[in-house]
PDB file of N, CA and C in Angstrom:
ATOM      1  N   UNK A   1      22.565-154.318 -32.879  1.00  0.00           N
ATOM      2  CA  UNK A   1      22.018-154.000 -31.583  1.00  0.00           C
ATOM      3  C   UNK A   1      23.118-154.130 -30.525  1.00  0.00           C
ATOM      4  N   UNK A   2      23.104-153.240 -29.573  1.00  0.00           N
ATOM      5  CA  UNK A   2      24.087-153.273 -28.486  1.00  0.00           C
ATOM      6  C   UNK A   2      23.792-154.471 -27.587  1.00  0.00           C
ATOM      7  N   UNK A   3      24.813-155.298 -27.358  1.00  0.00           N
ATOM      8  CA  UNK A   3      24.659-156.459 -26.473  1.00  0.00           C
ATOM      9  C   UNK A   3      25.546-156.364 -25.235  1.00  0.00           C
ATOM     10  N   UNK A   4      26.444-155.404 -25.217  1.00  0.00           N
ATOM     11  CA  UNK A   4      27.305-155.250 -24.048  1.00  0.00           C
ATOM     12  C   UNK A   4      27.985-153.898 -24.029  1.00  0.00           C
ATOM     13  N   UNK A   5      28.112-153.350 -22.827  1.00  0.00           N
ATOM     14  CA  UNK A   5      28.788-152.072 -22.625  1.00  0.00           C
ATOM     15  C   UNK A   5      29.713-152.231 -21.425  1.00  0.00           C
ATOM     16  N   UNK A   6      30.912-151.687 -21.538  1.00  0.00           N
ATOM     17  CA  UNK A   6      31.843-151.722 -20.414  1.00  0.00           C
ATOM     18  C   UNK A   6      32.590-150.408 -20.307  1.00  0.00           C
ATOM     19  N   UNK A   7      32.878-150.012 -19.084  1.00  0.00           N
ATOM     20  CA  UNK A   7      33.648-148.794 -18.844  1.00  0.00           C
ATOM     21  C   UNK A   7      34.638-149.087 -17.728  1.00  0.00           C
ATOM     22  N   UNK A   8      35.815-148.484 -17.802  1.00  0.00           N
ATOM     23  CA  UNK A   8      36.801-148.658 -16.746  1.00  0.00           C
ATOM     24  C   UNK A   8      37.629-147.392 -16.607  1.00  0.00           C
ATOM     25  N   UNK A   9      38.037-147.120 -15.382  1.00  0.00           N
ATOM     26  CA  UNK A   9      38.811-145.939 -15.034  1.00  0.00           C
ATOM     27  C   UNK A   9      40.066-146.398 -14.299  1.00  0.00           C
ATOM     28  N   UNK A  10      41.235-145.903 -14.725  1.00  0.00           N
ATOM     29  CA  UNK A  10      42.512-146.309 -14.137  1.00  0.00           C
ATOM     30  C   UNK A  10      43.260-145.076 -13.648  1.00  0.00           C
ATOM     31  N   UNK A  11      43.738-145.143 -12.423  1.00  0.00           N
ATOM     32  CA  UNK A  11      44.599-144.103 -11.863  1.00  0.00           C
ATOM     33  C   UNK A  11      45.990-144.290 -12.479  1.00  0.00           C
ATOM     34  N   UNK A  12      46.439-143.344 -13.282  1.00  0.00           N
ATOM     35  CA  UNK A  12      47.687-143.495 -14.038  1.00  0.00           C
ATOM     36  C   UNK A  12      48.892-143.651 -13.120  1.00  0.00           C
ATOM     37  N   UNK A  13      49.003-142.852 -12.075  1.00  0.00           N
ATOM     38  CA  UNK A  13      50.147-142.949 -11.160  1.00  0.00           C
ATOM     39  C   UNK A  13      50.181-144.314 -10.475  1.00  0.00           C
ATOM     40  N   UNK A  14      49.034-144.804 -10.063  1.00  0.00           N
ATOM     41  CA  UNK A  14      48.965-146.132  -9.432  1.00  0.00           C
ATOM     42  C   UNK A  14      49.381-147.217 -10.423  1.00  0.00           C
ATOM     43  N   UNK A  15      48.930-147.081 -11.669  1.00  0.00           N
ATOM     44  CA  UNK A  15      49.286-148.038 -12.712  1.00  0.00           C
ATOM     45  C   UNK A  15      50.795-148.014 -12.964  1.00  0.00           C
ATOM     46  N   UNK A  16      51.383-146.819 -13.024  1.00  0.00           N
ATOM     47  CA  UNK A  16      52.839-146.697 -13.206  1.00  0.00           C
ATOM     48  C   UNK A  16      53.595-147.384 -12.075  1.00  0.00           C
ATOM     49  N   UNK A  17      53.125-147.186 -10.841  1.00  0.00           N
ATOM     50  CA  UNK A  17      53.781-147.824  -9.685  1.00  0.00           C
ATOM     51  C   UNK A  17      53.700-149.342  -9.784  1.00  0.00           C
ATOM     52  N   UNK A  18      52.569-149.859 -10.224  1.00  0.00           N
ATOM     53  CA  UNK A  18      52.415-151.311 -10.379  1.00  0.00           C
ATOM     54  C   UNK A  18      53.399-151.843 -11.418  1.00  0.00           C
ATOM     55  N   UNK A  19      53.569-151.117 -12.523  1.00  0.00           N
ATOM     56  CA  UNK A  19      54.516-151.542 -13.559  1.00  0.00           C
ATOM     57  C   UNK A  19      55.952-151.485 -13.051  1.00  0.00           C
ATOM     58  N   UNK A  20      56.272-150.470 -12.259  1.00  0.00           N
ATOM     59  CA  UNK A  20      57.628-150.350 -11.697  1.00  0.00           C
ATOM     60  C   UNK A  20      57.898-151.443 -10.669  1.00  0.00           C
ATOM     61  N   UNK A  21      56.899-151.743  -9.859  1.00  0.00           N
ATOM     62  CA  UNK A  21      57.038-152.736  -8.797  1.00  0.00           C
ATOM     63  C   UNK A  21      57.170-154.156  -9.354  1.00  0.00           C
ATOM     64  N   UNK A  22      56.502-154.417 -10.484  1.00  0.00           N
ATOM     65  CA  UNK A  22      56.465-155.754 -11.078  1.00  0.00           C
ATOM     66  C   UNK A  22      56.903-155.645 -12.537  1.00  0.00           C
ATOM     67  N   UNK A  23      58.211-155.728 -12.805  1.00  0.00           N
ATOM     68  CA  UNK A  23      58.722-155.507 -14.162  1.00  0.00           C
ATOM     69  C   UNK A  23      58.104-156.408 -15.244  1.00  0.00           C
ATOM     70  N   UNK A  24      57.721-157.622 -14.907  1.00  0.00           N
ATOM     71  CA  UNK A  24      57.155-158.531 -15.917  1.00  0.00           C
ATOM     72  C   UNK A  24      55.677-158.264 -16.192  1.00  0.00           C
ATOM     73  N   UNK A  25      55.066-157.382 -15.414  1.00  0.00           N
ATOM     74  CA  UNK A  25      53.643-157.103 -15.566  1.00  0.00           C
ATOM     75  C   UNK A  25      53.316-156.555 -16.950  1.00  0.00           C
ATOM     76  N   UNK A  26      54.146-155.678 -17.467  1.00  0.00           N
ATOM     77  CA  UNK A  26      53.889-155.089 -18.796  1.00  0.00           C
ATOM     78  C   UNK A  26      53.767-156.180 -19.860  1.00  0.00           C
ATOM     79  N   UNK A  27      54.678-157.153 -19.843  1.00  0.00           N
ATOM     80  CA  UNK A  27      54.620-158.233 -20.834  1.00  0.00           C
ATOM     81  C   UNK A  27      53.416-159.145 -20.615  1.00  0.00           C
ATOM     82  N   UNK A  28      52.981-159.309 -19.363  1.00  0.00           N
ATOM     83  CA  UNK A  28      51.808-160.138 -19.078  1.00  0.00           C
ATOM     84  C   UNK A  28      50.526-159.474 -19.557  1.00  0.00           C
ATOM     85  N   UNK A  29      50.451-158.154 -19.426  1.00  0.00           N
ATOM     86  CA  UNK A  29      49.220-157.435 -19.754  1.00  0.00           C
ATOM     87  C   UNK A  29      49.096-157.049 -21.220  1.00  0.00           C
ATOM     88  N   UNK A  30      50.230-156.759 -21.870  1.00  0.00           N
ATOM     89  CA  UNK A  30      50.179-156.160 -23.199  1.00  0.00           C
ATOM     90  C   UNK A  30      50.834-157.036 -24.255  1.00  0.00           C
ATOM     91  N   UNK A  31      50.126-157.177 -25.383  1.00  0.00           N
ATOM     92  CA  UNK A  31      50.656-157.904 -26.522  1.00  0.00           C
ATOM     93  C   UNK A  31      51.310-156.952 -27.506  1.00  0.00           C
ATOM     94  N   UNK A  32      51.800-157.489 -28.618  1.00  0.00           N
ATOM     95  CA  UNK A  32      52.537-156.667 -29.582  1.00  0.00           C
ATOM     96  C   UNK A  32      51.731-155.513 -30.183  1.00  0.00           C
ATOM     97  N   UNK A  33      50.437-155.691 -30.402  1.00  0.00           N
ATOM     98  CA  UNK A  33      49.638-154.586 -30.956  1.00  0.00           C
ATOM     99  C   UNK A  33      49.475-153.462 -29.939  1.00  0.00           C
ATOM    100  N   UNK A  34      49.359-153.830 -28.662  1.00  0.00           N
ATOM    101  CA  UNK A  34      49.196-152.831 -27.600  1.00  0.00           C
ATOM    102  C   UNK A  34      50.389-151.890 -27.515  1.00  0.00           C
ATOM    103  N   UNK A  35      51.568-152.421 -27.741  1.00  0.00           N
ATOM    104  CA  UNK A  35      52.804-151.646 -27.536  1.00  0.00           C
ATOM    105  C   UNK A  35      53.572-151.461 -28.843  1.00  0.00           C
ATOM    106  N   UNK A  36      52.856-151.374 -29.955  1.00  0.00           N
ATOM    107  CA  UNK A  36      53.516-151.261 -31.260  1.00  0.00           C
ATOM    108  C   UNK A  36      54.243-149.929 -31.439  1.00  0.00           C
ATOM    109  N   UNK A  37      53.870-148.915 -30.653  1.00  0.00           N
ATOM    110  CA  UNK A  37      54.582-147.633 -30.708  1.00  0.00           C
ATOM    111  C   UNK A  37      55.780-147.713 -29.768  1.00  0.00           C
ATOM    112  N   UNK A  38      56.979-147.489 -30.253  1.00  0.00           N
ATOM    113  CA  UNK A  38      58.156-147.626 -29.389  1.00  0.00           C
ATOM    114  C   UNK A  38      58.185-146.642 -28.225  1.00  0.00           C
ATOM    115  N   UNK A  39      57.555-145.494 -28.373  1.00  0.00           N
ATOM    116  CA  UNK A  39      57.599-144.471 -27.324  1.00  0.00           C
ATOM    117  C   UNK A  39      56.251-144.304 -26.614  1.00  0.00           C
ATOM    118  N   UNK A  40      55.499-145.396 -26.490  1.00  0.00           N
ATOM    119  CA  UNK A  40      54.164-145.309 -25.896  1.00  0.00           C
ATOM    120  C   UNK A  40      54.255-144.820 -24.446  1.00  0.00           C
ATOM    121  N   UNK A  41      53.410-143.885 -24.101  1.00  0.00           N
ATOM    122  CA  UNK A  41      53.449-143.270 -22.769  1.00  0.00           C
ATOM    123  C   UNK A  41      52.717-144.134 -21.746  1.00  0.00           C
ATOM    124  N   UNK A  42      53.003-143.878 -20.490  1.00  0.00           N
ATOM    125  CA  UNK A  42      52.307-144.604 -19.429  1.00  0.00           C
ATOM    126  C   UNK A  42      50.823-144.233 -19.421  1.00  0.00           C
ATOM    127  N   UNK A  43      50.485-143.013 -19.851  1.00  0.00           N
ATOM    128  CA  UNK A  43      49.078-142.623 -19.972  1.00  0.00           C
ATOM    129  C   UNK A  43      48.371-143.508 -20.988  1.00  0.00           C
ATOM    130  N   UNK A  44      49.024-143.731 -22.123  1.00  0.00           N
ATOM    131  CA  UNK A  44      48.427-144.568 -23.163  1.00  0.00           C
ATOM    132  C   UNK A  44      48.326-146.020 -22.720  1.00  0.00           C
ATOM    133  N   UNK A  45      49.347-146.512 -22.022  1.00  0.00           N
ATOM    134  CA  UNK A  45      49.286-147.886 -21.510  1.00  0.00           C
ATOM    135  C   UNK A  45      48.148-148.036 -20.505  1.00  0.00           C
ATOM    136  N   UNK A  46      47.985-147.057 -19.632  1.00  0.00           N
ATOM    137  CA  UNK A  46      46.899-147.110 -18.651  1.00  0.00           C
ATOM    138  C   UNK A  46      45.544-147.102 -19.354  1.00  0.00           C
ATOM    139  N   UNK A  47      45.400-146.292 -20.402  1.00  0.00           N
ATOM    140  CA  UNK A  47      44.148-146.256 -21.160  1.00  0.00           C
ATOM    141  C   UNK A  47      43.903-147.586 -21.862  1.00  0.00           C
ATOM    142  N   UNK A  48      44.951-148.198 -22.376  1.00  0.00           N
ATOM    143  CA  UNK A  48      44.806-149.501 -23.035  1.00  0.00           C
ATOM    144  C   UNK A  48      44.439-150.584 -22.028  1.00  0.00           C
ATOM    145  N   UNK A  49      45.003-150.508 -20.830  1.00  0.00           N
ATOM    146  CA  UNK A  49      44.610-151.454 -19.790  1.00  0.00           C
ATOM    147  C   UNK A  49      43.139-151.244 -19.424  1.00  0.00           C
ATOM    148  N   UNK A  50      42.722-149.992 -19.305  1.00  0.00           N
ATOM    149  CA  UNK A  50      41.315-149.700 -19.023  1.00  0.00           C
ATOM    150  C   UNK A  50      40.420-150.269 -20.124  1.00  0.00           C
ATOM    151  N   UNK A  51      40.878-150.198 -21.381  1.00  0.00           N
ATOM    152  CA  UNK A  51      40.099-150.743 -22.499  1.00  0.00           C
ATOM    153  C   UNK A  51      39.968-152.258 -22.392  1.00  0.00           C
ATOM    154  N   UNK A  52      41.018-152.921 -21.959  1.00  0.00           N
ATOM    155  CA  UNK A  52      40.944-154.374 -21.763  1.00  0.00           C
ATOM    156  C   UNK A  52      39.905-154.700 -20.690  1.00  0.00           C
ATOM    157  N   UNK A  53      39.952-153.972 -19.567  1.00  0.00           N
ATOM    158  CA  UNK A  53      38.983-154.183 -18.483  1.00  0.00           C
ATOM    159  C   UNK A  53      37.559-153.884 -18.971  1.00  0.00           C
ATOM    160  N   UNK A  54      37.389-152.783 -19.687  1.00  0.00           N
ATOM    161  CA  UNK A  54      36.069-152.427 -20.209  1.00  0.00           C
ATOM    162  C   UNK A  54      35.593-153.467 -21.220  1.00  0.00           C
ATOM    163  N   UNK A  55      36.519-153.992 -22.027  1.00  0.00           N
ATOM    164  CA  UNK A  55      36.171-155.039 -22.987  1.00  0.00           C
ATOM    165  C   UNK A  55      35.677-156.302 -22.302  1.00  0.00           C
ATOM    166  N   UNK A  56      36.346-156.685 -21.215  1.00  0.00           N
ATOM    167  CA  UNK A  56      35.905-157.852 -20.442  1.00  0.00           C
ATOM    168  C   UNK A  56      34.485-157.626 -19.930  1.00  0.00           C
ATOM    169  N   UNK A  57      34.227-156.445 -19.399  1.00  0.00           N
ATOM    170  CA  UNK A  57      32.891-156.124 -18.885  1.00  0.00           C
ATOM    171  C   UNK A  57      31.855-156.149 -20.006  1.00  0.00           C
ATOM    172  N   UNK A  58      32.193-155.586 -21.165  1.00  0.00           N
ATOM    173  CA  UNK A  58      31.258-155.557 -22.292  1.00  0.00           C
ATOM    174  C   UNK A  58      30.963-156.959 -22.815  1.00  0.00           C
ATOM    175  N   UNK A  59      31.911-157.876 -22.643  1.00  0.00           N
ATOM    176  CA  UNK A  59      31.708-159.270 -23.052  1.00  0.00           C
ATOM    177  C   UNK A  59      30.953-160.077 -21.999  1.00  0.00           C
ATOM    178  N   UNK A  60      30.642-159.463 -20.883  1.00  0.00           N
ATOM    179  CA  UNK A  60      29.861-160.150 -19.863  1.00  0.00           C
ATOM    180  C   UNK A  60      30.659-160.704 -18.708  1.00  0.00           C
ATOM    181  N   UNK A  61      31.950-160.448 -18.688  1.00  0.00           N
ATOM    182  CA  UNK A  61      32.760-160.861 -17.532  1.00  0.00           C
ATOM    183  C   UNK A  61      33.461-162.183 -17.700  1.00  0.00           C
ATOM    184  N   UNK A  62      32.907-163.230 -17.184  1.00  0.00           N
ATOM    185  CA  UNK A  62      33.563-164.534 -17.110  1.00  0.00           C
ATOM    186  C   UNK A  62      33.862-165.104 -18.500  1.00  0.00           C
ATOM    187  N   UNK A  63      35.121-164.995 -18.942  1.00  0.00           N
ATOM    188  CA  UNK A  63      35.527-165.453 -20.273  1.00  0.00           C
ATOM    189  C   UNK A  63      36.408-166.689 -20.105  1.00  0.00           C
ATOM    190  N   UNK A  64      35.917-167.869 -20.488  1.00  0.00           N
ATOM    191  CA  UNK A  64      36.718-169.086 -20.337  1.00  0.00           C
ATOM    192  C   UNK A  64      38.040-168.994 -21.100  1.00  0.00           C
ATOM    193  N   UNK A  65      39.123-169.408 -20.467  1.00  0.00           N
ATOM    194  CA  UNK A  65      40.428-169.448 -21.110  1.00  0.00           C
ATOM    195  C   UNK A  65      41.011-168.090 -21.443  1.00  0.00           C
ATOM    196  N   UNK A  66      40.578-167.042 -20.746  1.00  0.00           N
ATOM    197  CA  UNK A  66      41.011-165.680 -21.072  1.00  0.00           C
ATOM    198  C   UNK A  66      42.473-165.429 -20.729  1.00  0.00           C
ATOM    199  N   UNK A  67      43.151-164.717 -21.620  1.00  0.00           N
ATOM    200  CA  UNK A  67      44.496-164.192 -21.397  1.00  0.00           C
ATOM    201  C   UNK A  67      44.442-162.697 -21.695  1.00  0.00           C
ATOM    202  N   UNK A  68      45.258-161.907 -20.985  1.00  0.00           N
ATOM    203  CA  UNK A  68      45.276-160.462 -21.233  1.00  0.00           C
ATOM    204  C   UNK A  68      45.626-160.143 -22.682  1.00  0.00           C
ATOM    205  N   UNK A  69      46.322-161.033 -23.360  1.00  0.00           N
ATOM    206  CA  UNK A  69      46.691-160.798 -24.760  1.00  0.00           C
ATOM    207  C   UNK A  69      45.515-161.056 -25.705  1.00  0.00           C
ATOM    208  N   UNK A  70      44.404-161.607 -25.184  1.00  0.00           N
ATOM    209  CA  UNK A  70      43.222-161.877 -26.011  1.00  0.00           C
ATOM    210  C   UNK A  70      42.477-160.601 -26.403  1.00  0.00           C
ATOM    211  N   UNK A  71      42.721-159.517 -25.699  1.00  0.00           N
ATOM    212  CA  UNK A  71      42.156-158.214 -26.065  1.00  0.00           C
ATOM    213  C   UNK A  71      43.335-157.262 -26.216  1.00  0.00           C
ATOM    214  N   UNK A  72      43.554-156.805 -27.450  1.00  0.00           N
ATOM    215  CA  UNK A  72      44.614-155.830 -27.699  1.00  0.00           C
ATOM    216  C   UNK A  72      44.002-154.588 -28.337  1.00  0.00           C
ATOM    217  N   UNK A  73      44.672-153.482 -28.153  1.00  0.00           N
ATOM    218  CA  UNK A  73      44.196-152.216 -28.689  1.00  0.00           C
ATOM    219  C   UNK A  73      45.184-151.752 -29.742  1.00  0.00           C
ATOM    220  N   UNK A  74      44.691-151.616 -30.954  1.00  0.00           N
ATOM    221  CA  UNK A  74      45.526-151.221 -32.085  1.00  0.00           C
ATOM    222  C   UNK A  74      45.228-149.771 -32.433  1.00  0.00           C
ATOM    223  N   UNK A  75      46.262-149.054 -32.812  1.00  0.00           N
ATOM    224  CA  UNK A  75      46.081-147.670 -33.236  1.00  0.00           C
ATOM    225  C   UNK A  75      47.194-146.796 -32.714  1.00  0.00           C
ATOM    226  N   UNK A  76      47.786-146.063 -33.604  1.00  0.00           N
ATOM    227  CA  UNK A  76      48.865-145.146 -33.236  1.00  0.00           C
ATOM    228  C   UNK A  76      48.266-143.837 -32.736  1.00  0.00           C
ATOM    229  N   UNK A  77      49.109-143.016 -32.166  1.00  0.00           N
ATOM    230  CA  UNK A  77      48.689-141.708 -31.679  1.00  0.00           C
ATOM    231  C   UNK A  77      47.949-140.960 -32.787  1.00  0.00           C
ATOM    232  N   UNK A  78      46.799-140.415 -32.448  1.00  0.00           N
ATOM    233  CA  UNK A  78      46.011-139.660 -33.412  1.00  0.00           C
ATOM    234  C   UNK A  78      45.062-140.511 -34.238  1.00  0.00           C
ATOM    235  N   UNK A  79      45.166-141.839 -34.147  1.00  0.00           N
ATOM    236  CA  UNK A  79      44.261-142.739 -34.872  1.00  0.00           C
ATOM    237  C   UNK A  79      43.148-143.203 -33.941  1.00  0.00           C
ATOM    238  N   UNK A  80      42.020-143.574 -34.537  1.00  0.00           N
ATOM    239  CA  UNK A  80      40.930-144.161 -33.765  1.00  0.00           C
ATOM    240  C   UNK A  80      41.395-145.516 -33.235  1.00  0.00           C
ATOM    241  N   UNK A  81      41.320-145.757 -31.918  1.00  0.00           N
ATOM    242  CA  UNK A  81      41.722-147.065 -31.399  1.00  0.00           C
ATOM    243  C   UNK A  81      40.742-148.147 -31.841  1.00  0.00           C
ATOM    244  N   UNK A  82      41.252-149.363 -31.940  1.00  0.00           N
ATOM    245  CA  UNK A  82      40.437-150.492 -32.391  1.00  0.00           C
ATOM    246  C   UNK A  82      40.754-151.695 -31.520  1.00  0.00           C
ATOM    247  N   UNK A  83      39.712-152.382 -31.056  1.00  0.00           N
ATOM    248  CA  UNK A  83      39.913-153.622 -30.310  1.00  0.00           C
ATOM    249  C   UNK A  83      40.234-154.744 -31.282  1.00  0.00           C
ATOM    250  N   UNK A  84      41.194-155.568 -30.918  1.00  0.00           N
ATOM    251  CA  UNK A  84      41.505-156.775 -31.677  1.00  0.00           C
ATOM    252  C   UNK A  84      41.343-157.936 -30.709  1.00  0.00           C
ATOM    253  N   UNK A  85      40.337-158.776 -30.968  1.00  0.00           N
ATOM    254  CA  UNK A  85      40.052-159.917 -30.100  1.00  0.00           C
ATOM    255  C   UNK A  85      40.677-161.178 -30.674  1.00  0.00           C
ATOM    256  N   UNK A  86      41.175-162.031 -29.791  1.00  0.00           N
ATOM    257  CA  UNK A  86      41.715-163.327 -30.198  1.00  0.00           C
ATOM    258  C   UNK A  86      41.465-164.315 -29.063  1.00  0.00           C
ATOM    259  N   UNK A  87      41.830-165.565 -29.283  1.00  0.00           N
ATOM    260  CA  UNK A  87      41.740-166.580 -28.232  1.00  0.00           C
ATOM    261  C   UNK A  87      40.373-166.644 -27.574  1.00  0.00           C
ATOM    262  N   UNK A  88      40.388-166.759 -26.236  1.00  0.00           N
ATOM    263  CA  UNK A  88      39.148-166.895 -25.471  1.00  0.00           C
ATOM    264  C   UNK A  88      38.189-165.735 -25.653  1.00  0.00           C
ATOM    265  N   UNK A  89      38.705-164.519 -25.779  1.00  0.00           N
ATOM    266  CA  UNK A  89      37.834-163.348 -25.957  1.00  0.00           C
ATOM    267  C   UNK A  89      37.111-163.410 -27.300  1.00  0.00           C
ATOM    268  N   UNK A  90      37.825-163.809 -28.346  1.00  0.00           N
ATOM    269  CA  UNK A  90      37.220-163.924 -29.672  1.00  0.00           C
ATOM    270  C   UNK A  90      36.163-165.031 -29.696  1.00  0.00           C
ATOM    271  N   UNK A  91      36.483-166.170 -29.094  1.00  0.00           N
ATOM    272  CA  UNK A  91      35.530-167.287 -29.044  1.00  0.00           C
ATOM    273  C   UNK A  91      34.280-166.889 -28.264  1.00  0.00           C
ATOM    274  N   UNK A  92      34.468-166.215 -27.147  1.00  0.00           N
ATOM    275  CA  UNK A  92      33.348-165.772 -26.312  1.00  0.00           C
ATOM    276  C   UNK A  92      32.479-164.771 -27.082  1.00  0.00           C
ATOM    277  N   UNK A  93      33.110-163.839 -27.787  1.00  0.00           N
ATOM    278  CA  UNK A  93      32.366-162.855 -28.581  1.00  0.00           C
ATOM    279  C   UNK A  93      31.568-163.546 -29.686  1.00  0.00           C
ATOM    280  N   UNK A  94      32.185-164.494 -30.376  1.00  0.00           N
ATOM    281  CA  UNK A  94      31.493-165.229 -31.443  1.00  0.00           C
ATOM    282  C   UNK A  94      30.295-165.994 -30.897  1.00  0.00           C
ATOM    283  N   UNK A  95      30.469-166.625 -29.739  1.00  0.00           N
ATOM    284  CA  UNK A  95      29.382-167.389 -29.130  1.00  0.00           C
ATOM    285  C   UNK A  95      28.201-166.492 -28.768  1.00  0.00           C
ATOM    286  N   UNK A  96      28.462-165.221 -28.505  1.00  0.00           N
ATOM    287  CA  UNK A  96      27.397-164.267 -28.181  1.00  0.00           C
ATOM    288  C   UNK A  96      26.853-163.563 -29.422  1.00  0.00           C
ATOM    289  N   UNK A  97      27.387-163.884 -30.590  1.00  0.00           N
ATOM    290  CA  UNK A  97      26.926-163.261 -31.823  1.00  0.00           C
ATOM    291  C   UNK A  97      27.454-161.860 -32.045  1.00  0.00           C
ATOM    292  N   UNK A  98      28.508-161.497 -31.341  1.00  0.00           N
ATOM    293  CA  UNK A  98      29.075-160.152 -31.483  1.00  0.00           C
ATOM    294  C   UNK A  98      29.817-160.049 -32.808  1.00  0.00           C
ATOM    295  N   UNK A  99      29.454-159.042 -33.590  1.00  0.00           N
ATOM    296  CA  UNK A  99      30.078-158.861 -34.901  1.00  0.00           C
ATOM    297  C   UNK A  99      30.853-157.549 -35.016  1.00  0.00           C
ATOM    298  N   UNK A 100      30.621-156.628 -34.095  1.00  0.00           N
ATOM    299  CA  UNK A 100      31.388-155.382 -34.131  1.00  0.00           C
ATOM    300  C   UNK A 100      31.545-154.843 -32.711  1.00  0.00           C
ATOM    301  N   UNK A 101      32.575-154.016 -32.561  1.00  0.00           N
ATOM    302  CA  UNK A 101      32.834-153.412 -31.259  1.00  0.00           C
ATOM    303  C   UNK A 101      33.450-152.049 -31.471  1.00  0.00           C
ATOM    304  N   UNK A 102      33.267-151.208 -30.477  1.00  0.00           N
ATOM    305  CA  UNK A 102      33.748-149.833 -30.540  1.00  0.00           C
ATOM    306  C   UNK A 102      34.448-149.509 -29.231  1.00  0.00           C
ATOM    307  N   UNK A 103      35.503-148.707 -29.313  1.00  0.00           N
ATOM    308  CA  UNK A 103      36.235-148.326 -28.107  1.00  0.00           C
ATOM    309  C   UNK A 103      36.559-146.836 -28.168  1.00  0.00           C
ATOM    310  N   UNK A 104      36.449-146.195 -27.020  1.00  0.00           N
ATOM    311  CA  UNK A 104      36.849-144.801 -26.884  1.00  0.00           C
ATOM    312  C   UNK A 104      37.765-144.709 -25.673  1.00  0.00           C
ATOM    313  N   UNK A 105      38.897-144.013 -25.840  1.00  0.00           N
ATOM    314  CA  UNK A 105      39.888-143.862 -24.777  1.00  0.00           C
ATOM    315  C   UNK A 105      40.108-142.383 -24.494  1.00  0.00           C
ATOM    316  N   UNK A 106      40.387-142.080 -23.230  1.00  0.00           N
ATOM    317  CA  UNK A 106      40.720-140.711 -22.865  1.00  0.00           C
ATOM    318  C   UNK A 106      41.566-140.730 -21.605  1.00  0.00           C
ATOM    319  N   UNK A 107      42.360-139.677 -21.423  1.00  0.00           N
ATOM    320  CA  UNK A 107      43.075-139.519 -20.156  1.00  0.00           C
ATOM    321  C   UNK A 107      43.206-138.036 -19.851  1.00  0.00           C
ATOM    322  N   UNK A 108      43.010-137.729 -18.554  1.00  0.00           N
ATOM    323  CA  UNK A 108      43.086-136.354 -18.081  1.00  0.00           C
ATOM    324  C   UNK A 108      43.147-136.380 -16.557  1.00  0.00           C
ATOM    325  N   UNK A 109      43.812-135.394 -15.985  1.00  0.00           N
ATOM    326  CA  UNK A 109      43.868-135.223 -14.531  1.00  0.00           C
ATOM    327  C   UNK A 109      44.323-136.486 -13.810  1.00  0.00           C
ATOM    328  N   UNK A 110      45.275-137.195 -14.419  1.00  0.00           N
ATOM    329  CA  UNK A 110      45.841-138.365 -13.769  1.00  0.00           C
ATOM    330  C   UNK A 110      45.019-139.633 -13.866  1.00  0.00           C
ATOM    331  N   UNK A 111      43.958-139.606 -14.661  1.00  0.00           N
ATOM    332  CA  UNK A 111      43.096-140.778 -14.822  1.00  0.00           C
ATOM    333  C   UNK A 111      42.994-141.148 -16.299  1.00  0.00           C
ATOM    334  N   UNK A 112      42.860-142.452 -16.561  1.00  0.00           N
ATOM    335  CA  UNK A 112      42.645-142.951 -17.921  1.00  0.00           C
ATOM    336  C   UNK A 112      41.287-143.646 -17.945  1.00  0.00           C
ATOM    337  N   UNK A 113      40.518-143.399 -18.993  1.00  0.00           N
ATOM    338  CA  UNK A 113      39.162-143.918 -19.108  1.00  0.00           C
ATOM    339  C   UNK A 113      39.011-144.664 -20.425  1.00  0.00           C
ATOM    340  N   UNK A 114      38.268-145.765 -20.384  1.00  0.00           N
ATOM    341  CA  UNK A 114      37.931-146.485 -21.615  1.00  0.00           C
ATOM    342  C   UNK A 114      36.456-146.856 -21.576  1.00  0.00           C
ATOM    343  N   UNK A 115      35.829-146.784 -22.742  1.00  0.00           N
ATOM    344  CA  UNK A 115      34.427-147.140 -22.907  1.00  0.00           C
ATOM    345  C   UNK A 115      34.346-148.076 -24.100  1.00  0.00           C
ATOM    346  N   UNK A 116      33.734-149.243 -23.920  1.00  0.00           N
ATOM    347  CA  UNK A 116      33.650-150.253 -24.979  1.00  0.00           C
ATOM    348  C   UNK A 116      32.192-150.654 -25.178  1.00  0.00           C
ATOM    349  N   UNK A 117      31.790-150.778 -26.445  1.00  0.00           N
ATOM    350  CA  UNK A 117      30.448-151.228 -26.811  1.00  0.00           C
ATOM    351  C   UNK A 117      30.588-152.433 -27.731  1.00  0.00           C
ATOM    352  N   UNK A 118      29.808-153.486 -27.456  1.00  0.00           N
ATOM    353  CA  UNK A 118      29.766-154.683 -28.297  1.00  0.00           C
ATOM    354  C   UNK A 118      28.396-154.750 -28.958  1.00  0.00           C
ATOM    355  N   UNK A 119      28.374-155.107 -30.271  1.00  0.00           N
ATOM    356  CA  UNK A 119      27.117-155.187 -31.011  1.00  0.00           C
ATOM    357  C   UNK A 119      26.997-156.519 -31.726  1.00  0.00           C
ATOM    358  N   UNK A 120      25.741-156.985 -31.845  1.00  0.00           N
ATOM    359  CA  UNK A 120      25.489-158.149 -32.682  1.00  0.00           C
ATOM    360  C   UNK A 120      24.949-157.664 -34.028  1.00  0.00           C
ATOM    361  N   UNK A 121      24.545-158.580 -34.890  1.00  0.00           N
ATOM    362  CA  UNK A 121      24.151-158.217 -36.254  1.00  0.00           C
ATOM    363  C   UNK A 121      22.743-157.640 -36.351  1.00  0.00           C
ATOM    364  N   UNK A 122      21.933-157.767 -35.320  1.00  0.00           N
ATOM    365  CA  UNK A 122      20.538-157.307 -35.454  1.00  0.00           C
ATOM    366  C   UNK A 122      20.388-155.803 -35.345  1.00  0.00           C
TER     367      UNK A 122
END
């Protein structure tokens, strides 16, 4: 049964400017699974950031001990993206009985979109 849904939209140009303005931001926001492709585009990074935001919303928001690395998006170009939860996000999901999650990413016309669904076992 669906227990949480989250959606987020990111302006790609604005996201690029934020990364340029704050060089350490990329390392703060993205873990090794997020950036496993050496040539990952700013469009893909913006979509992955949107997925993190959508994941937080689908988990209900306030996640104790949350780090941006607690939600990573795995999947190379052309593969179905997959959320990988760890740390505070994983503990929060377990406490809510969440056993599966789904993510869809898209980007077009300068915007990146992510949609996340969390399900329990029922």
